[in-house]
Amino acid sequence: MPPKRTQSSQKPVNKEGRISLAIKAIQNHEVSSVREAAVLFDIPETTLRRRRAGQPYRADIRANNHKLTQNEEDSLVKWILSMDQRGAAPRPSIVREMANILLAERGSTPSSTVGINWSTNFVKRREELRTRFSKRYDYQRAQNEDPKSLRIWFKTVQCVIDENGIQPEDIYNFDETGFAMGLIATAKVITRAEYYSRRALLQPGNRKWVIAIESISASGFTLPPCIIFKGKVYIESWFDNLPDNWRFEVSQNGWTTDEIGVR
């Protein structure tokens, strides 16, 4: 026959509620003594006395093995969120270094340090944080995304369109962009909890630089892209799996030229 277990051992939360009621009953003079309250609410008398003396509930106590204090962890979280808001979310190794700096500031000898997996555990216990993989973004492009500058530019463009009666099908955006084939360049960073985690992608070994020329009209019509490789000749069989209307060019340095643009 299995041992009989009391309700207090089965439901710690229920027990905590009865302790609170017992303390309130004592404070309101509804019971004459701590012993009477312990019997009435079915809780250990020693537990009730300790809780009345100010000992907190164990589940509410911070774990003893945490290297940083609560205040230090809160400060570190604020720093992470601040860096993330400025577009520079820190990597786990940087967060670990910051934690060691906080420990070093205590001035203890020898100075304590956190473990290699500390950042991972830190993120798990902080609801404000999550880890995800970053996406490479050009710094100059980010500088050109100032809302004030963009509004002025679009206002100027709209004035030119209105003055000359330009139709959407006569407005084209023509640009070129370069990229390294196979270069993914993602890194795990610590950021806000509401961001989702991206899956890691395998990193191919190809690092050749390629230029792509693209053009699209305001009406939605697009020209087939032109892909420029570095070299003297290319073999058509390399591109059997790509659309037939794509154009492929080669140049000495892999960049576009006036002649390629005209073609």
Protein backbone atom coordinates (compact mmCIF):
# COMPACT_ATOMS: atom_id res chain seq x y z
CA MET A 1 0.00 0.00 0.00
CA PRO A 2 1.52 3.37 -1.00
CA PRO A 3 2.26 5.86 1.79
CA LYS A 4 -0.37 8.46 2.48
CA ARG A 5 0.74 11.91 1.51
CA THR A 6 -0.74 15.04 2.98
CA GLN A 7 -2.30 17.71 0.83
CA SER A 8 0.50 20.10 1.80
CA SER A 9 3.18 17.85 0.31
CA GLN A 10 1.22 17.37 -2.91
CA LYS A 11 0.44 21.03 -3.57
CA PRO A 12 3.13 23.49 -2.43
CA VAL A 13 1.25 26.41 -3.94
CA ASN A 14 -1.89 25.48 -1.99
CA LYS A 15 0.23 25.23 1.13
CA GLU A 16 1.68 28.69 0.50
CA GLY A 17 -1.84 30.11 0.25
CA ARG A 18 -2.84 28.54 3.59
CA ILE A 19 0.27 30.00 5.22
CA SER A 20 -0.72 33.45 4.02
CA LEU A 21 -4.23 32.98 5.38
CA ALA A 22 -2.85 31.78 8.72
CA ILE A 23 -0.58 34.82 9.06
CA LYS A 24 -3.50 37.12 8.22
CA ALA A 25 -5.71 35.38 10.78
CA ILE A 26 -3.04 35.89 13.48
CA GLN A 27 -2.62 39.57 12.58
CA ASN A 28 -6.40 40.10 12.74
CA HIS A 29 -6.56 38.29 16.13
CA GLU A 30 -8.92 35.69 14.68
CA VAL A 31 -6.88 32.94 16.40
CA SER A 32 -5.26 33.06 19.82
CA SER A 33 -1.83 31.57 18.97
CA VAL A 34 0.51 30.40 16.23
CA ARG A 35 -0.05 26.79 17.31
CA GLU A 36 -3.81 27.15 16.93
CA ALA A 37 -3.40 28.73 13.47
CA ALA A 38 -1.07 25.92 12.37
CA VAL A 39 -3.61 23.29 13.39
CA LEU A 40 -6.53 25.21 11.89
CA PHE A 41 -4.87 25.68 8.48
CA ASP A 42 -3.05 22.31 8.45
CA ILE A 43 0.51 23.62 8.16
CA PRO A 44 3.68 22.91 10.17
CA GLU A 45 4.02 25.21 13.17
CA THR A 46 7.76 25.74 12.60
CA THR A 47 7.13 26.77 8.99
CA LEU A 48 4.50 29.24 10.07
CA ARG A 49 6.80 30.74 12.70
CA ARG A 50 9.65 31.15 10.19
CA ARG A 51 7.37 32.81 7.65
CA ARG A 52 6.03 35.19 10.29
CA ALA A 53 9.64 36.08 11.15
CA GLY A 54 10.23 37.17 7.55
CA GLN A 55 11.75 34.11 5.87
CA PRO A 56 10.63 34.21 2.20
CA TYR A 57 9.11 31.39 0.19
CA ARG A 58 11.86 29.21 -1.32
CA ALA A 59 10.47 29.47 -4.85
CA ASP A 60 10.78 33.26 -4.65
CA ILE A 61 14.42 33.17 -3.53
CA ARG A 62 17.14 33.72 -6.11
CA ALA A 63 19.34 30.67 -6.72
CA ASN A 64 22.57 30.64 -4.73
CA ASN A 65 24.77 29.63 -7.69
CA HIS A 66 24.21 32.81 -9.71
CA LYS A 67 27.47 34.69 -10.20
CA LEU A 68 25.85 38.10 -10.77
CA THR A 69 23.50 39.81 -8.37
CA GLN A 70 19.95 40.63 -9.43
CA ASN A 71 20.89 44.28 -9.88
CA GLU A 72 23.91 43.36 -12.03
CA GLU A 73 21.81 41.10 -14.24
CA ASP A 74 19.15 43.78 -14.65
CA SER A 75 21.82 46.28 -15.67
CA LEU A 76 23.23 43.80 -18.20
CA VAL A 77 19.76 43.24 -19.70
CA LYS A 78 19.27 47.01 -20.09
CA TRP A 79 22.61 47.25 -21.89
CA ILE A 80 21.70 44.37 -24.26
CA LEU A 81 18.33 45.91 -25.13
CA SER A 82 19.98 49.30 -25.67
CA MET A 83 22.56 47.82 -28.04
CA ASP A 84 19.86 45.87 -29.86
CA GLN A 85 17.75 49.02 -30.35
CA ARG A 86 20.75 50.72 -31.97
CA GLY A 87 21.19 47.86 -34.44
CA ALA A 88 24.21 46.29 -32.72
CA ALA A 89 22.84 43.32 -30.80
CA PRO A 90 25.78 41.70 -28.95
CA ARG A 91 27.00 38.18 -29.51
CA PRO A 92 26.95 35.71 -26.58
CA SER A 93 30.74 36.01 -26.20
CA ILE A 94 30.44 39.80 -25.79
CA VAL A 95 27.71 39.39 -23.17
CA ARG A 96 29.95 36.95 -21.32
CA GLU A 97 32.80 39.48 -21.39
CA MET A 98 30.49 42.17 -19.99
CA ALA A 99 29.48 39.82 -17.17
CA ASN A 100 33.16 39.26 -16.33
CA ILE A 101 33.72 43.03 -16.32
CA LEU A 102 30.91 43.42 -13.78
CA LEU A 103 32.49 40.72 -11.61
CA ALA A 104 35.92 42.35 -11.90
CA GLU A 105 34.48 45.69 -10.74
CA ARG A 106 33.82 44.14 -7.33
CA GLY A 107 37.55 44.22 -6.68
CA SER A 108 37.73 40.75 -5.16
CA THR A 109 40.97 38.74 -5.44
CA PRO A 110 41.11 36.46 -7.32
CA SER A 111 38.46 37.89 -9.65
CA SER A 112 35.53 35.55 -10.38
CA THR A 113 34.47 34.79 -13.96
CA VAL A 114 31.44 33.18 -15.59
CA GLY A 115 31.56 29.90 -17.49
CA ILE A 116 31.60 29.43 -21.25
CA ASN A 117 27.89 28.47 -21.29
CA TRP A 118 26.81 31.26 -18.93
CA SER A 119 25.30 33.43 -21.70
CA THR A 120 23.06 30.57 -22.86
CA ASN A 121 21.71 29.96 -19.36
CA PHE A 122 21.36 33.70 -18.77
CA VAL A 123 19.12 34.11 -21.83
CA LYS A 124 17.00 31.11 -20.80
CA ARG A 125 16.11 32.59 -17.41
CA ARG A 126 15.45 36.13 -18.69
CA GLU A 127 12.08 36.43 -20.41
CA GLU A 128 13.12 39.69 -22.12
CA LEU A 129 15.86 38.01 -24.17
CA ARG A 130 16.16 35.48 -26.98
CA THR A 131 18.95 34.37 -29.31
CA ARG A 132 18.63 34.51 -33.08
CA PHE A 133 20.89 34.70 -36.11
CA SER A 134 21.78 38.15 -37.37
CA LYS A 135 21.56 39.34 -40.96
CA ARG A 136 24.43 41.26 -42.52
CA TYR A 137 23.45 44.85 -43.42
CA ASP A 138 25.52 47.54 -45.13
CA TYR A 139 26.35 50.48 -42.86
CA GLN A 140 26.13 53.10 -45.63
CA ARG A 141 22.71 51.78 -46.67
CA ALA A 142 21.49 52.05 -43.08
CA GLN A 143 22.66 55.67 -42.94
CA ASN A 144 20.61 56.45 -46.05
CA GLU A 145 17.39 55.22 -44.44
CA ASP A 146 16.77 58.37 -42.44
CA PRO A 147 12.96 58.99 -42.64
CA LYS A 148 13.38 62.77 -42.93
CA SER A 149 15.72 62.49 -45.92
CA LEU A 150 13.49 59.91 -47.60
CA ARG A 151 10.39 62.09 -47.29
CA ILE A 152 12.22 65.05 -48.90
CA TRP A 153 13.45 62.86 -51.77
CA PHE A 154 10.03 61.35 -52.51
CA LYS A 155 8.44 64.80 -52.40
CA THR A 156 10.94 66.04 -55.00
CA VAL A 157 10.31 63.01 -57.24
CA GLN A 158 6.55 63.49 -57.00
CA CYS A 159 6.88 67.15 -58.04
CA VAL A 160 8.84 66.13 -61.17
CA ILE A 161 6.22 63.48 -62.01
CA ASP A 162 3.31 65.92 -61.62
CA GLU A 163 4.97 68.74 -63.58
CA ASN A 164 5.84 66.54 -66.58
CA GLY A 165 2.88 64.13 -66.54
CA ILE A 166 5.11 61.07 -66.29
CA GLN A 167 3.23 57.76 -66.32
CA PRO A 168 4.13 54.79 -64.04
CA GLU A 169 5.07 52.62 -67.03
CA ASP A 170 7.71 55.22 -67.96
CA ILE A 171 9.38 55.21 -64.53
CA TYR A 172 12.20 52.69 -64.11
CA ASN A 173 14.62 51.91 -61.32
CA PHE A 174 17.93 50.63 -62.65
CA ASP A 175 20.63 49.49 -60.24
CA GLU A 176 23.42 47.02 -59.72
CA THR A 177 24.46 45.12 -56.64
CA GLY A 178 27.38 42.88 -55.78
CA PHE A 179 27.43 39.75 -53.67
CA ALA A 180 29.77 36.90 -52.85
CA MET A 181 28.41 33.53 -53.94
CA GLY A 182 27.83 31.27 -50.96
CA LEU A 183 28.59 33.93 -48.36
CA ILE A 184 25.93 33.72 -45.64
CA ALA A 185 27.73 35.58 -42.84
CA THR A 186 25.20 34.99 -40.05
CA ALA A 187 26.06 35.01 -36.37
CA LYS A 188 24.12 34.20 -33.25
CA VAL A 189 23.25 37.28 -31.22
CA ILE A 190 21.24 38.04 -28.09
CA THR A 191 18.23 40.26 -28.73
CA ARG A 192 14.66 41.00 -27.65
CA ALA A 193 12.36 38.12 -26.76
CA GLU A 194 9.69 39.06 -29.33
CA TYR A 195 12.08 38.37 -32.21
CA TYR A 196 11.97 34.85 -33.59
CA SER A 197 15.01 32.60 -34.08
CA ARG A 198 16.19 31.97 -37.61
CA ARG A 199 17.49 28.58 -38.71
CA ALA A 200 21.21 28.24 -39.38
CA LEU A 201 22.20 27.62 -43.01
CA LEU A 202 25.13 25.56 -44.22
CA GLN A 203 28.06 27.67 -45.48
CA PRO A 204 29.29 26.71 -48.98
CA GLY A 205 32.94 27.19 -49.86
CA ASN A 206 32.47 29.36 -52.98
CA ARG A 207 33.57 33.01 -52.47
CA LYS A 208 33.53 34.40 -56.04
CA TRP A 209 32.27 37.98 -56.42
CA VAL A 210 29.30 38.50 -58.75
CA ILE A 211 27.49 41.62 -59.99
CA ALA A 212 23.75 41.61 -60.75
CA ILE A 213 22.04 44.37 -62.79
CA GLU A 214 18.29 44.69 -62.21
CA SER A 215 15.57 47.01 -63.52
CA ILE A 216 11.85 47.35 -62.69
CA SER A 217 9.20 49.89 -63.69
CA ALA A 218 6.65 51.56 -61.38
CA SER A 219 3.92 49.61 -63.21
CA GLY A 220 5.50 46.31 -62.16
CA PHE A 221 7.22 45.32 -65.42
CA THR A 222 10.69 43.88 -64.87
CA LEU A 223 13.64 43.38 -67.17
CA PRO A 224 15.43 40.02 -66.91
CA PRO A 225 18.51 40.34 -64.70
CA CYS A 226 22.03 40.54 -66.05
CA ILE A 227 24.63 38.57 -64.07
CA ILE A 228 28.32 39.54 -64.46
CA PHE A 229 31.15 37.15 -63.56
CA LYS A 230 34.87 37.78 -63.36
CA GLY A 231 36.67 36.11 -66.27
CA LYS A 232 37.18 36.06 -70.01
CA VAL A 233 34.66 33.43 -71.13
CA TYR A 234 31.83 31.47 -69.59
CA ILE A 235 30.36 28.11 -70.46
CA GLU A 236 26.60 28.07 -71.13
CA SER A 237 26.22 24.62 -69.58
CA TRP A 238 26.97 26.18 -66.18
CA PHE A 239 23.57 27.87 -66.25
CA ASP A 240 21.27 25.11 -67.55
CA ASN A 241 19.03 25.32 -64.48
CA LEU A 242 18.45 29.09 -64.71
CA PRO A 243 15.74 30.91 -66.73
CA ASP A 244 16.50 31.23 -70.45
CA ASN A 245 15.91 35.01 -70.53
CA TRP A 246 18.60 35.81 -67.95
CA ARG A 247 21.69 37.47 -69.44
CA PHE A 248 25.23 36.47 -68.45
CA GLU A 249 28.32 38.57 -68.99
CA VAL A 250 32.00 38.39 -68.03
CA SER A 251 34.51 41.17 -67.37
CA GLN A 252 38.17 41.30 -66.42
CA ASN A 253 37.52 42.33 -62.80
CA GLY A 254 33.94 41.10 -62.40
CA TRP A 255 32.50 44.65 -62.46
CA THR A 256 30.07 46.19 -64.89
CA THR A 257 31.21 48.36 -67.81
CA ASP A 258 29.47 50.86 -70.11
CA GLU A 259 29.52 48.28 -72.92
CA ILE A 260 27.86 45.63 -70.76
CA GLY A 261 25.25 48.18 -69.61
CA VAL A 262 24.37 49.06 -73.21
CA ARG A 263 24.01 45.40 -74.22
